[in-house]
Amino acid sequence: VVASTVVRDRLGDMLNRIGYGDNKRIGITRHGKVAAVLISAHELDLLDEIEMAVDVREAERILADPASEFIPWEQAEAELDAAESAR
């Protein structure tokens, strides 16, 4: 974990470590809290694969029992109105 001010000075070195080195993650903090993480392209690909698998599993679940996802129009309309009002 490194402070964002350090990243500005050492970004090139960090990218080399992540991209060509040990593939570790580097947390970047702002005001003492992790705000972002640098990861390798390989890890990003793995995350994308995991997200796709989760989406496929959810789609299969819904297709197996479409009625379980039914929302009456009145409820959907009320939720859309509430979301619009919150903006």
Protein backbone atom coordinates (compact mmCIF):
# COMPACT_ATOMS: atom_id res chain seq x y z
CA VAL A 1 0.00 0.00 0.00
CA VAL A 2 1.37 3.40 -0.99
CA ALA A 3 0.16 6.97 -0.76
CA SER A 4 -1.13 8.62 -3.93
CA THR A 5 1.68 11.18 -3.68
CA VAL A 6 4.23 8.35 -4.00
CA VAL A 7 2.44 7.01 -7.09
CA ARG A 8 2.99 10.29 -8.92
CA ASP A 9 6.74 9.96 -8.44
CA ARG A 10 7.08 6.20 -8.96
CA LEU A 11 4.30 5.18 -11.35
CA GLY A 12 6.69 3.85 -14.00
CA ASP A 13 8.47 1.63 -11.49
CA MET A 14 5.16 0.39 -10.10
CA LEU A 15 3.82 -0.46 -13.54
CA ASN A 16 6.97 -2.44 -14.30
CA ARG A 17 6.67 -4.35 -11.01
CA ILE A 18 3.04 -5.19 -11.64
CA GLY A 19 3.18 -5.78 -15.37
CA TYR A 20 6.48 -7.62 -15.65
CA GLY A 21 7.29 -8.71 -12.14
CA ASP A 22 5.56 -10.54 -9.40
CA ASN A 23 1.96 -9.55 -10.36
CA LYS A 24 1.26 -8.18 -6.91
CA ARG A 25 -1.46 -5.65 -6.29
CA ILE A 26 -0.54 -2.19 -5.10
CA GLY A 27 -3.12 -0.36 -3.02
CA ILE A 28 -3.15 3.41 -3.38
CA THR A 29 -4.29 5.43 -0.40
CA ARG A 30 -5.77 8.88 -0.09
CA HIS A 31 -6.15 10.35 3.35
CA GLY A 32 -5.12 7.01 4.86
CA LYS A 33 -7.76 4.89 3.11
CA VAL A 34 -7.29 2.64 0.08
CA ALA A 35 -8.91 4.47 -2.83
CA ALA A 36 -7.70 2.34 -5.75
CA VAL A 37 -5.57 -0.67 -6.60
CA LEU A 38 -3.08 -1.21 -9.41
CA ILE A 39 -3.27 -4.75 -10.79
CA SER A 40 -1.70 -6.51 -13.75
CA ALA A 41 -3.52 -6.93 -17.04
CA HIS A 42 -3.55 -10.68 -16.32
CA GLU A 43 -5.42 -10.13 -13.05
CA LEU A 44 -7.87 -7.83 -14.81
CA ASP A 45 -8.56 -10.58 -17.36
CA LEU A 46 -9.20 -13.03 -14.49
CA LEU A 47 -11.61 -10.58 -12.86
CA ASP A 48 -13.45 -10.17 -16.16
CA GLU A 49 -13.77 -13.95 -16.47
CA ILE A 50 -15.13 -14.21 -12.94
CA GLU A 51 -17.68 -11.45 -13.58
CA MET A 52 -18.79 -13.16 -16.80
CA ALA A 53 -19.20 -16.50 -14.99
CA VAL A 54 -21.31 -14.82 -12.29
CA ASP A 55 -23.47 -13.10 -14.95
CA VAL A 56 -23.97 -16.39 -16.83
CA ARG A 57 -24.93 -18.20 -13.62
CA GLU A 58 -27.46 -15.46 -12.78
CA ALA A 59 -28.92 -15.55 -16.30
CA GLU A 60 -29.25 -19.35 -16.13
CA ARG A 61 -31.00 -19.05 -12.76
CA ILE A 62 -33.49 -16.52 -14.12
CA LEU A 63 -34.12 -18.50 -17.30
CA ALA A 64 -34.77 -21.65 -15.25
CA ASP A 65 -37.55 -19.86 -13.32
CA PRO A 66 -38.56 -16.60 -15.05
CA ALA A 67 -41.56 -16.15 -12.76
CA SER A 68 -39.21 -15.67 -9.80
CA GLU A 69 -38.07 -12.39 -11.33
CA PHE A 70 -41.58 -11.06 -12.06
CA ILE A 71 -42.28 -7.57 -10.77
CA PRO A 72 -45.78 -6.12 -11.13
CA TRP A 73 -45.84 -3.02 -13.37
CA GLU A 74 -47.06 -0.81 -10.52
CA GLN A 75 -44.04 -1.77 -8.41
CA ALA A 76 -41.62 -1.26 -11.29
CA GLU A 77 -43.18 2.12 -12.09
CA ALA A 78 -42.94 3.22 -8.45
CA GLU A 79 -39.27 2.15 -8.27
CA LEU A 80 -38.47 4.02 -11.50
CA ASP A 81 -40.26 7.13 -10.23
CA ALA A 82 -38.35 6.95 -6.93
CA ALA A 83 -35.04 6.57 -8.75
CA GLU A 84 -35.87 9.52 -10.98
CA SER A 85 -36.83 11.66 -7.99
CA ALA A 86 -33.56 10.81 -6.22
CA ARG A 87 -31.54 12.34 -9.05
